[in-house]
């Protein structure tokens, strides 16, 4: 039985449950269907990587205080982080992969590099 490939429009033959003429057409169809979802994921991942790189750039020694506006000026987005860590005394750190930060009183942000005891 001859059918038409929904991706390229070519006529093809094959098994009764075959829906596309080739693996390339099948992959192209599914990639296009998922493109919007992938764009969203890629955008979030780019923001997270950028946040991590800003923290690393401003923290070459492993621990430092930085003015909040320096982070904002470099495009840091405080709403995006990979995980949170609460210390035994209740202090909350937000992490972008291996770099974390704690918003201090006023204009300061404490930036740290993840230590082995921080999981």
N, C-alpha and C. Protein backbone atom coordinates (compact mmCIF):
# COMPACT_ATOMS: atom_id res chain seq x y z
N UNK A 1 0.84 -1.17 0.00
CA UNK A 1 0.00 0.00 0.00
C UNK A 1 0.89 1.24 0.00
N UNK A 2 0.61 2.17 -0.88
CA UNK A 2 1.40 3.40 -0.99
C UNK A 2 0.76 4.47 -0.12
N UNK A 3 1.64 5.20 0.57
CA UNK A 3 1.17 6.30 1.42
C UNK A 3 2.04 7.52 1.16
N UNK A 4 1.59 8.66 1.69
CA UNK A 4 2.31 9.92 1.54
C UNK A 4 2.95 10.28 2.87
N UNK A 5 4.22 10.60 2.84
CA UNK A 5 4.97 11.00 4.04
C UNK A 5 4.47 12.38 4.50
N UNK A 6 4.08 12.50 5.78
CA UNK A 6 3.58 13.79 6.27
C UNK A 6 4.66 14.86 6.38
N UNK A 7 5.91 14.46 6.31
CA UNK A 7 7.01 15.42 6.42
C UNK A 7 7.42 15.99 5.07
N UNK A 8 7.71 15.13 4.13
CA UNK A 8 8.24 15.61 2.84
C UNK A 8 7.23 15.53 1.69
N UNK A 9 6.13 14.80 1.90
CA UNK A 9 5.11 14.70 0.87
C UNK A 9 5.39 13.63 -0.18
N UNK A 10 6.47 12.90 -0.03
CA UNK A 10 6.81 11.84 -0.99
C UNK A 10 5.97 10.59 -0.73
N UNK A 11 5.75 9.85 -1.78
CA UNK A 11 5.04 8.59 -1.67
C UNK A 11 6.02 7.52 -1.22
N UNK A 12 5.57 6.61 -0.35
CA UNK A 12 6.46 5.54 0.12
C UNK A 12 5.67 4.27 0.35
N UNK A 13 6.39 3.16 0.47
CA UNK A 13 5.78 1.87 0.79
C UNK A 13 6.51 1.31 2.00
N UNK A 14 5.92 0.31 2.61
CA UNK A 14 6.56 -0.31 3.77
C UNK A 14 5.52 -0.94 4.68
N UNK A 15 5.95 -1.19 5.90
CA UNK A 15 5.07 -1.82 6.88
C UNK A 15 3.80 -0.99 7.07
N UNK A 16 2.76 -1.66 7.53
CA UNK A 16 1.46 -0.98 7.67
C UNK A 16 1.48 0.08 8.77
N UNK A 17 2.40 -0.06 9.75
CA UNK A 17 2.45 0.93 10.82
C UNK A 17 3.52 2.01 10.59
N UNK A 18 4.16 1.98 9.43
CA UNK A 18 5.17 2.96 9.10
C UNK A 18 4.48 4.29 8.75
N UNK A 19 4.96 5.39 9.36
CA UNK A 19 4.29 6.69 9.16
C UNK A 19 5.11 7.66 8.33
N UNK A 20 6.41 7.43 8.19
CA UNK A 20 7.28 8.34 7.46
C UNK A 20 8.10 7.54 6.46
N UNK A 21 8.58 8.22 5.43
CA UNK A 21 9.34 7.52 4.39
C UNK A 21 10.76 7.17 4.83
N UNK A 22 11.30 7.92 5.80
CA UNK A 22 12.68 7.67 6.22
C UNK A 22 12.88 8.10 7.67
N UNK A 23 14.01 7.68 8.22
CA UNK A 23 14.35 8.09 9.59
C UNK A 23 14.58 9.60 9.66
N UNK A 24 15.13 10.18 8.62
CA UNK A 24 15.37 11.62 8.60
C UNK A 24 14.06 12.39 8.65
N UNK A 25 13.06 11.95 7.91
CA UNK A 25 11.75 12.62 7.93
C UNK A 25 11.09 12.45 9.30
N UNK A 26 11.20 11.26 9.86
CA UNK A 26 10.62 11.02 11.19
C UNK A 26 11.27 11.94 12.22
N UNK A 27 12.60 12.03 12.23
CA UNK A 27 13.32 12.87 13.17
C UNK A 27 12.99 14.35 12.96
N UNK A 28 12.95 14.77 11.71
CA UNK A 28 12.62 16.16 11.40
C UNK A 28 11.25 16.55 11.89
N UNK A 29 10.29 15.65 11.71
CA UNK A 29 8.92 15.90 12.16
C UNK A 29 8.86 16.06 13.68
N UNK A 30 9.49 15.14 14.40
CA UNK A 30 9.46 15.19 15.86
C UNK A 30 10.28 16.35 16.41
N UNK A 31 11.39 16.67 15.79
CA UNK A 31 12.19 17.82 16.23
C UNK A 31 11.42 19.12 16.08
N UNK A 32 10.74 19.27 15.01
CA UNK A 32 9.94 20.47 14.78
C UNK A 32 8.81 20.56 15.80
N UNK A 33 8.20 19.42 16.11
CA UNK A 33 7.10 19.41 17.07
C UNK A 33 7.58 19.81 18.47
N UNK A 34 8.81 19.48 18.79
CA UNK A 34 9.36 19.80 20.11
C UNK A 34 10.15 21.11 20.14
N UNK A 35 10.24 21.79 19.04
CA UNK A 35 11.11 22.98 18.93
C UNK A 35 10.74 24.06 19.94
N UNK A 36 9.46 24.32 20.12
CA UNK A 36 9.05 25.38 21.06
C UNK A 36 9.48 25.04 22.49
N UNK A 37 9.28 23.79 22.87
CA UNK A 37 9.70 23.34 24.21
C UNK A 37 11.21 23.45 24.35
N UNK A 38 11.94 23.06 23.33
CA UNK A 38 13.40 23.12 23.40
C UNK A 38 13.91 24.56 23.46
N UNK A 39 13.26 25.47 22.77
CA UNK A 39 13.65 26.88 22.82
C UNK A 39 13.50 27.40 24.24
N UNK A 40 12.40 27.07 24.89
CA UNK A 40 12.18 27.50 26.28
C UNK A 40 13.27 26.94 27.19
N UNK A 41 13.55 25.65 27.09
CA UNK A 41 14.59 25.02 27.92
C UNK A 41 15.95 25.64 27.65
N UNK A 42 16.27 25.86 26.40
CA UNK A 42 17.56 26.44 26.03
C UNK A 42 17.69 27.85 26.61
N UNK A 43 16.62 28.63 26.58
CA UNK A 43 16.63 29.98 27.12
C UNK A 43 16.92 29.96 28.62
N UNK A 44 16.25 29.09 29.35
CA UNK A 44 16.47 28.98 30.80
C UNK A 44 17.89 28.51 31.09
N UNK A 45 18.37 27.52 30.37
CA UNK A 45 19.74 27.04 30.58
C UNK A 45 20.76 28.13 30.30
N UNK A 46 20.53 28.95 29.28
CA UNK A 46 21.44 30.05 28.99
C UNK A 46 21.47 31.08 30.12
N UNK A 47 20.31 31.37 30.70
CA UNK A 47 20.25 32.30 31.83
C UNK A 47 21.01 31.72 33.02
N UNK A 48 20.81 30.44 33.32
CA UNK A 48 21.50 29.80 34.44
C UNK A 48 23.01 29.80 34.24
N UNK A 49 23.46 29.48 33.02
CA UNK A 49 24.90 29.49 32.74
C UNK A 49 25.47 30.89 32.88
N UNK A 50 24.73 31.87 32.37
CA UNK A 50 25.18 33.27 32.48
C UNK A 50 25.28 33.68 33.95
N UNK A 51 24.26 33.35 34.75
CA UNK A 51 24.30 33.66 36.18
C UNK A 51 25.51 33.03 36.84
N UNK A 52 25.78 31.77 36.53
CA UNK A 52 26.93 31.07 37.11
C UNK A 52 28.23 31.76 36.70
N UNK A 53 28.34 32.16 35.45
CA UNK A 53 29.56 32.81 34.98
C UNK A 53 29.76 34.18 35.62
N UNK A 54 28.69 34.91 35.87
CA UNK A 54 28.80 36.21 36.55
C UNK A 54 29.31 35.99 37.97
N UNK A 55 28.75 35.00 38.67
CA UNK A 55 29.20 34.71 40.03
C UNK A 55 30.67 34.29 40.04
N UNK A 56 31.08 33.47 39.09
CA UNK A 56 32.48 33.01 39.03
C UNK A 56 33.42 34.18 38.74
N UNK A 57 33.01 35.06 37.84
CA UNK A 57 33.84 36.21 37.48
C UNK A 57 34.06 37.14 38.66
N UNK A 58 33.03 37.36 39.45
CA UNK A 58 33.12 38.28 40.58
C UNK A 58 33.67 37.63 41.85
N UNK A 59 33.94 36.33 41.80
CA UNK A 59 34.38 35.59 42.98
C UNK A 59 35.58 34.71 42.67
N UNK A 60 36.73 35.28 42.32
CA UNK A 60 37.89 34.45 41.98
C UNK A 60 38.52 33.75 43.18
N UNK A 61 38.27 34.24 44.39
CA UNK A 61 38.91 33.68 45.59
C UNK A 61 38.07 32.61 46.30
N UNK A 62 36.81 32.43 45.91
CA UNK A 62 35.97 31.41 46.53
C UNK A 62 34.93 31.96 47.49
N UNK A 63 35.13 33.20 47.97
CA UNK A 63 34.15 33.82 48.86
C UNK A 63 34.38 35.32 48.83
N UNK A 64 33.31 36.07 48.58
CA UNK A 64 33.44 37.52 48.51
C UNK A 64 32.09 38.19 48.69
N UNK A 65 32.12 39.46 49.07
CA UNK A 65 30.91 40.29 49.12
C UNK A 65 30.90 41.18 47.89
N UNK A 66 29.76 41.26 47.25
CA UNK A 66 29.60 42.04 46.02
C UNK A 66 28.35 42.90 46.17
N UNK A 67 28.42 44.10 45.66
CA UNK A 67 27.23 44.95 45.67
C UNK A 67 26.21 44.37 44.68
N UNK A 68 24.97 44.39 45.08
CA UNK A 68 23.88 43.85 44.27
C UNK A 68 23.86 44.48 42.87
N UNK A 69 24.11 45.78 42.78
CA UNK A 69 24.05 46.45 41.49
C UNK A 69 25.14 45.98 40.53
N UNK A 70 26.27 45.49 41.04
CA UNK A 70 27.30 44.91 40.15
C UNK A 70 26.78 43.66 39.47
N UNK A 71 26.04 42.84 40.20
CA UNK A 71 25.45 41.64 39.61
C UNK A 71 24.40 42.03 38.56
N UNK A 72 23.54 42.96 38.93
CA UNK A 72 22.47 43.39 38.02
C UNK A 72 23.06 44.02 36.76
N UNK A 73 24.10 44.84 36.92
CA UNK A 73 24.75 45.47 35.76
C UNK A 73 25.31 44.45 34.78
N UNK A 74 25.69 43.28 35.27
CA UNK A 74 26.24 42.23 34.40
C UNK A 74 25.14 41.29 33.87
N UNK A 75 23.89 41.64 34.14
CA UNK A 75 22.78 40.84 33.61
C UNK A 75 22.37 39.68 34.48
N UNK A 76 22.80 39.66 35.74
CA UNK A 76 22.42 38.58 36.65
C UNK A 76 20.93 38.65 36.94
N UNK A 77 20.26 37.49 36.88
CA UNK A 77 18.82 37.42 37.13
C UNK A 77 18.60 36.59 38.40
N UNK A 78 18.21 37.27 39.48
CA UNK A 78 18.07 36.63 40.78
C UNK A 78 16.96 35.59 40.81
N UNK A 79 16.02 35.64 39.91
CA UNK A 79 14.91 34.68 39.90
C UNK A 79 15.34 33.30 39.42
N UNK A 80 16.49 33.18 38.80
CA UNK A 80 16.92 31.92 38.20
C UNK A 80 18.10 31.33 38.96
N UNK A 81 17.92 30.13 39.49
CA UNK A 81 18.99 29.42 40.18
C UNK A 81 18.70 27.92 40.09
N UNK A 82 19.72 27.11 40.31
CA UNK A 82 19.55 25.66 40.13
C UNK A 82 19.05 24.97 41.39
N UNK A 83 19.46 25.45 42.56
CA UNK A 83 19.00 24.84 43.80
C UNK A 83 19.20 25.79 44.97
N UNK A 84 18.61 25.42 46.10
CA UNK A 84 18.76 26.18 47.34
C UNK A 84 19.43 25.30 48.38
N UNK A 85 20.15 25.94 49.29
CA UNK A 85 20.77 25.22 50.40
C UNK A 85 20.54 26.02 51.67
N UNK A 86 20.04 25.35 52.70
CA UNK A 86 19.82 25.99 53.99
C UNK A 86 20.82 25.40 54.97
N UNK A 87 21.61 26.27 55.60
CA UNK A 87 22.61 25.81 56.57
C UNK A 87 21.92 25.39 57.86
N UNK A 88 22.68 24.81 58.78
CA UNK A 88 22.11 24.37 60.06
C UNK A 88 21.49 25.52 60.84
N UNK A 89 22.08 26.72 60.69
CA UNK A 89 21.53 27.86 61.42
C UNK A 89 20.42 28.58 60.65
N UNK A 90 19.97 28.00 59.53
CA UNK A 90 18.83 28.53 58.80
C UNK A 90 19.16 29.55 57.72
N UNK A 91 20.43 29.73 57.40
CA UNK A 91 20.82 30.68 56.36
C UNK A 91 20.55 30.07 54.99
N UNK A 92 19.86 30.82 54.13
CA UNK A 92 19.49 30.34 52.80
C UNK A 92 20.48 30.82 51.75
N UNK A 93 21.01 29.89 50.97
CA UNK A 93 21.86 30.19 49.82
C UNK A 93 21.14 29.72 48.57
N UNK A 94 21.23 30.50 47.51
CA UNK A 94 20.76 30.09 46.19
C UNK A 94 22.00 29.73 45.38
N UNK A 95 21.93 28.65 44.62
CA UNK A 95 23.07 28.21 43.82
C UNK A 95 22.75 28.23 42.33
N UNK A 96 23.74 28.60 41.55
CA UNK A 96 23.76 28.43 40.11
C UNK A 96 24.89 27.45 39.85
N UNK A 97 24.54 26.19 39.82
CA UNK A 97 25.50 25.10 39.70
C UNK A 97 26.43 25.11 40.90
N UNK A 98 27.70 25.44 40.74
CA UNK A 98 28.66 25.35 41.83
C UNK A 98 28.94 26.68 42.53
N UNK A 99 28.28 27.74 42.15
CA UNK A 99 28.43 29.04 42.81
C UNK A 99 27.13 29.42 43.46
N UNK A 100 27.24 29.87 44.72
CA UNK A 100 26.05 30.24 45.46
C UNK A 100 26.12 31.69 45.91
N UNK A 101 24.99 32.19 46.36
CA UNK A 101 24.95 33.56 46.86
C UNK A 101 23.88 33.66 47.95
N UNK A 102 24.11 34.60 48.83
CA UNK A 102 23.16 34.91 49.89
C UNK A 102 22.95 36.41 49.86
N UNK A 103 21.72 36.83 49.74
CA UNK A 103 21.41 38.25 49.73
C UNK A 103 21.48 38.73 51.17
N UNK A 104 22.38 39.69 51.40
CA UNK A 104 22.58 40.24 52.73
C UNK A 104 21.69 41.45 52.93
N UNK A 105 21.70 41.99 54.12
CA UNK A 105 20.96 43.23 54.41
C UNK A 105 21.53 44.35 53.54
N UNK A 106 20.68 45.22 53.07
CA UNK A 106 21.15 46.36 52.29
C UNK A 106 21.49 45.97 50.86
N UNK A 107 22.64 46.46 50.39
CA UNK A 107 23.02 46.31 48.98
C UNK A 107 23.99 45.16 48.71
N UNK A 108 24.32 44.38 49.71
CA UNK A 108 25.39 43.40 49.55
C UNK A 108 24.87 41.99 49.30
N UNK A 109 25.67 41.24 48.54
CA UNK A 109 25.41 39.83 48.26
C UNK A 109 26.70 39.07 48.55
N UNK A 110 26.60 38.05 49.40
CA UNK A 110 27.75 37.19 49.67
C UNK A 110 27.79 36.11 48.60
N UNK A 111 28.91 35.99 47.90
CA UNK A 111 29.06 35.00 46.83
C UNK A 111 30.07 33.96 47.29
N UNK A 112 29.73 32.67 47.13
CA UNK A 112 30.62 31.59 47.55
C UNK A 112 30.73 30.55 46.44
N UNK A 113 31.80 29.80 46.47
CA UNK A 113 31.95 28.62 45.60
C UNK A 113 31.57 27.41 46.44
N UNK A 114 30.86 26.50 45.84
CA UNK A 114 30.38 25.31 46.57
C UNK A 114 31.54 24.55 47.20
N UNK A 115 31.35 24.17 48.46
CA UNK A 115 32.31 23.34 49.16
C UNK A 115 31.78 21.91 49.18
N UNK A 116 32.62 20.96 49.45
CA UNK A 116 32.19 19.56 49.43
C UNK A 116 31.07 19.28 50.42
N UNK A 117 31.01 20.00 51.55
CA UNK A 117 29.98 19.73 52.53
C UNK A 117 28.63 20.30 52.14
N UNK A 118 28.58 21.11 51.10
CA UNK A 118 27.32 21.67 50.63
C UNK A 118 26.79 20.76 49.54
N UNK A 119 25.71 20.06 49.79
CA UNK A 119 25.17 19.11 48.82
C UNK A 119 23.87 19.61 48.25
